[in-house]
N, C-alpha and C. Protein backbone atom coordinates (compact mmCIF):
# COMPACT_ATOMS: atom_id res chain seq x y z
N UNK A 1 0.15 -1.05 0.09
CA UNK A 1 -0.05 0.18 0.28
C UNK A 1 0.57 1.28 0.29
N UNK A 2 1.87 1.34 0.85
CA UNK A 2 2.44 2.54 1.01
C UNK A 2 3.25 2.89 -1.10
N UNK A 3 4.08 1.81 -0.82
CA UNK A 3 4.72 1.81 -2.24
C UNK A 3 3.59 2.62 -3.10
N UNK A 4 2.66 2.61 -3.55
CA UNK A 4 2.01 3.11 -4.52
C UNK A 4 1.60 4.37 -4.06
N UNK A 5 1.84 5.62 -2.81
CA UNK A 5 1.41 6.93 -2.66
C UNK A 5 2.57 7.30 -3.30
N UNK A 6 1.98 8.92 -3.03
CA UNK A 6 2.87 10.10 -3.60
C UNK A 6 4.13 10.66 -2.31
N UNK A 7 4.95 9.84 -2.18
CA UNK A 7 5.27 9.97 -0.68
C UNK A 7 6.99 9.17 -1.42
N UNK A 8 8.39 10.05 -0.39
CA UNK A 8 9.51 10.00 -0.88
C UNK A 8 9.71 8.52 0.08
N UNK A 9 11.28 8.03 -0.61
CA UNK A 9 11.14 7.17 0.41
C UNK A 9 11.43 6.65 1.31
N UNK A 10 12.18 8.33 1.52
CA UNK A 10 12.97 8.40 2.86
C UNK A 10 11.31 8.37 3.75
N UNK A 11 10.36 8.58 3.42
CA UNK A 11 9.07 9.34 3.83
C UNK A 11 8.31 7.48 4.48
N UNK A 12 8.32 6.93 3.17
CA UNK A 12 7.73 5.55 3.39
C UNK A 12 8.30 4.90 4.56
N UNK A 13 9.54 5.20 5.04
CA UNK A 13 10.35 3.95 5.59
C UNK A 13 10.11 4.61 7.29
N UNK A 14 9.71 5.92 7.19
CA UNK A 14 9.72 6.40 8.30
C UNK A 14 7.88 6.15 8.89
N UNK A 15 7.34 6.16 7.81
CA UNK A 15 5.85 5.81 7.81
C UNK A 15 5.84 4.20 8.45
N UNK A 16 6.67 3.17 8.09
CA UNK A 16 6.78 1.85 8.35
C UNK A 16 7.52 2.08 10.30
N UNK A 17 8.35 2.81 9.96
CA UNK A 17 9.18 2.56 11.18
C UNK A 17 7.83 3.17 12.44
N UNK A 18 7.21 4.20 12.13
CA UNK A 18 5.76 4.13 12.79
C UNK A 18 5.20 3.23 13.68
N UNK A 19 4.34 2.47 11.89
CA UNK A 19 3.80 1.74 12.81
C UNK A 19 4.14 0.44 13.09
N UNK A 20 5.73 0.13 12.64
CA UNK A 20 5.97 -1.26 13.84
C UNK A 20 6.39 -0.81 15.30
N UNK A 21 6.81 0.79 15.51
CA UNK A 21 6.93 1.53 16.77
C UNK A 21 5.54 1.28 17.57
N UNK A 22 4.33 1.55 17.13
CA UNK A 22 3.12 2.02 17.91
C UNK A 22 2.00 0.80 17.56
N UNK A 23 2.17 0.39 16.54
CA UNK A 23 1.09 -0.65 15.67
C UNK A 23 0.09 0.00 14.93
N UNK A 24 -0.96 -0.55 14.53
CA UNK A 24 -1.96 -0.45 14.05
C UNK A 24 -3.27 -0.01 14.77
N UNK A 25 -2.91 0.11 16.03
CA UNK A 25 -4.35 0.41 16.69
C UNK A 25 -4.07 1.96 17.58
N UNK A 26 -2.85 1.67 17.05
CA UNK A 26 -2.15 3.16 18.15
C UNK A 26 -3.02 4.52 17.58
N UNK A 27 -3.32 5.28 18.47
CA UNK A 27 -3.97 6.83 17.79
C UNK A 27 -2.21 7.64 18.12
N UNK A 28 -2.21 8.15 16.70
CA UNK A 28 -0.57 9.02 16.78
C UNK A 28 -0.88 10.38 17.05
N UNK A 29 -0.09 10.72 17.95
CA UNK A 29 0.38 12.20 18.28
C UNK A 29 1.58 12.85 17.72
N UNK A 30 1.48 14.08 17.70
CA UNK A 30 2.32 14.84 16.73
C UNK A 30 3.76 14.43 17.29
N UNK A 31 3.89 14.49 18.72
CA UNK A 31 4.94 13.96 19.39
C UNK A 31 5.55 12.89 18.91
N UNK A 32 4.97 11.60 18.82
CA UNK A 32 5.18 10.47 18.27
C UNK A 32 6.08 10.63 16.90
N UNK A 33 4.83 11.31 15.56
CA UNK A 33 5.55 11.23 14.46
C UNK A 33 6.73 12.19 14.55
N UNK A 34 6.92 13.35 15.41
CA UNK A 34 8.10 14.23 15.41
C UNK A 34 9.43 13.30 16.16
N UNK A 35 9.30 12.45 16.67
CA UNK A 35 10.12 11.27 17.58
C UNK A 35 10.92 10.60 16.04
N UNK A 36 9.95 10.02 15.47
CA UNK A 36 10.07 9.12 14.56
C UNK A 36 10.78 9.81 13.10
N UNK A 37 10.55 10.88 12.88
CA UNK A 37 10.79 11.76 11.44
C UNK A 37 11.99 12.83 11.88
N UNK A 38 12.17 12.56 13.14
CA UNK A 38 13.38 14.12 13.22
C UNK A 38 12.70 15.32 12.94
N UNK A 39 11.76 15.73 13.37
CA UNK A 39 10.68 17.10 13.39
C UNK A 39 10.31 17.60 13.91
N UNK A 40 10.38 18.89 14.01
CA UNK A 40 9.60 19.90 14.96
C UNK A 40 7.93 19.58 14.66
N UNK A 41 7.25 19.11 15.69
CA UNK A 41 5.81 19.47 16.03
C UNK A 41 4.69 20.03 15.11
N UNK A 42 5.52 20.75 14.24
CA UNK A 42 4.39 21.78 13.45
C UNK A 42 4.34 20.98 12.58
N UNK A 43 5.70 20.33 11.77
CA UNK A 43 6.20 19.86 10.98
C UNK A 43 5.22 18.01 10.91
N UNK A 44 5.13 17.50 12.00
CA UNK A 44 4.60 16.68 12.62
C UNK A 44 3.36 16.07 12.61
N UNK A 45 2.42 17.50 12.83
CA UNK A 45 0.86 17.46 12.53
C UNK A 45 0.99 17.66 11.25
N UNK A 46 1.59 18.55 10.19
CA UNK A 46 1.12 18.72 9.03
C UNK A 46 1.47 17.04 8.26
N UNK A 47 2.58 16.50 8.64
CA UNK A 47 2.50 14.81 7.95
C UNK A 47 1.53 14.10 8.75
N UNK A 48 0.86 14.16 9.99
CA UNK A 48 -0.60 13.62 10.15
C UNK A 48 -1.11 13.83 9.44
N UNK A 49 -1.46 15.46 8.66
CA UNK A 49 -2.77 15.38 8.28
C UNK A 49 -2.56 14.77 6.51
N UNK A 50 -1.47 14.77 5.86
CA UNK A 50 -0.97 14.36 4.26
C UNK A 50 -0.69 12.80 4.68
N UNK A 51 -0.69 12.13 5.98
CA UNK A 51 -1.05 10.73 5.91
C UNK A 51 -2.97 10.55 5.86
N UNK A 52 -3.18 11.12 6.82
CA UNK A 52 -5.13 10.92 7.04
C UNK A 52 -5.77 11.24 5.19
N UNK A 53 -4.97 12.42 4.52
CA UNK A 53 -5.79 12.55 3.61
C UNK A 53 -5.25 11.42 2.35
N UNK A 54 -4.21 10.66 2.36
CA UNK A 54 -3.72 10.06 1.81
C UNK A 54 -4.61 8.58 2.36
N UNK A 55 -5.19 8.48 3.08
CA UNK A 55 -5.78 7.40 3.48
C UNK A 55 -5.01 6.38 4.07
N UNK A 56 -3.59 6.60 4.71
CA UNK A 56 -2.63 5.91 5.60
C UNK A 56 -3.25 5.75 6.55
N UNK A 57 -3.74 6.74 7.29
CA UNK A 57 -4.33 7.12 8.88
C UNK A 57 -5.71 7.25 8.77
N UNK A 58 -6.38 6.84 10.23
CA UNK A 58 -7.49 7.90 9.60
C UNK A 58 -7.19 8.39 11.56
N UNK A 59 -8.51 9.87 11.62
CA UNK A 59 -8.39 10.27 12.51
C UNK A 59 -9.59 9.96 13.58
N UNK A 60 -9.17 9.82 15.14
CA UNK A 60 -10.48 9.41 16.11
C UNK A 60 -11.64 9.70 15.83
N UNK A 61 -12.75 9.15 16.15
CA UNK A 61 -14.13 9.70 15.76
C UNK A 61 -14.20 10.19 17.20
N UNK A 62 -14.98 11.77 17.32
CA UNK A 62 -15.58 11.92 18.41
C UNK A 62 -16.16 11.63 18.97
N UNK A 63 -16.89 10.31 18.97
CA UNK A 63 -17.58 9.56 20.01
C UNK A 63 -16.60 8.63 20.67
N UNK A 64 -15.80 8.15 19.68
CA UNK A 64 -14.39 7.14 20.50
C UNK A 64 -13.11 7.94 21.61
N UNK A 65 -13.83 9.57 21.39
CA UNK A 65 -12.72 10.39 21.91
C UNK A 65 -13.53 11.18 23.40
N UNK A 66 -15.29 10.72 23.37
CA UNK A 66 -15.35 11.56 24.72
C UNK A 66 -16.22 10.71 25.50
N UNK A 67 -16.11 10.88 26.93
CA UNK A 67 -16.49 9.82 27.84
C UNK A 67 -17.85 9.90 27.92
N UNK A 68 -18.43 8.66 28.08
CA UNK A 68 -19.43 8.45 28.13
C UNK A 68 -20.79 9.16 29.71
N UNK A 69 -21.77 9.48 29.37
CA UNK A 69 -22.18 9.59 30.45
C UNK A 69 -23.54 9.44 31.35
């Protein structure tokens, strides 16, 4: 799946490393991406948005992040 995306091979390798470290059921935070990618939080947030736009990751729904009453 990643090999078909319009991202560089370096980014592809970093995304692979991200999934290997945190797994596929984890909600990534900008700090996680900043650590793996070696970038600042702003760039990490932009990377998360791009990965979401490309369909690599999803954002958690509001229902799953809100507490039940």
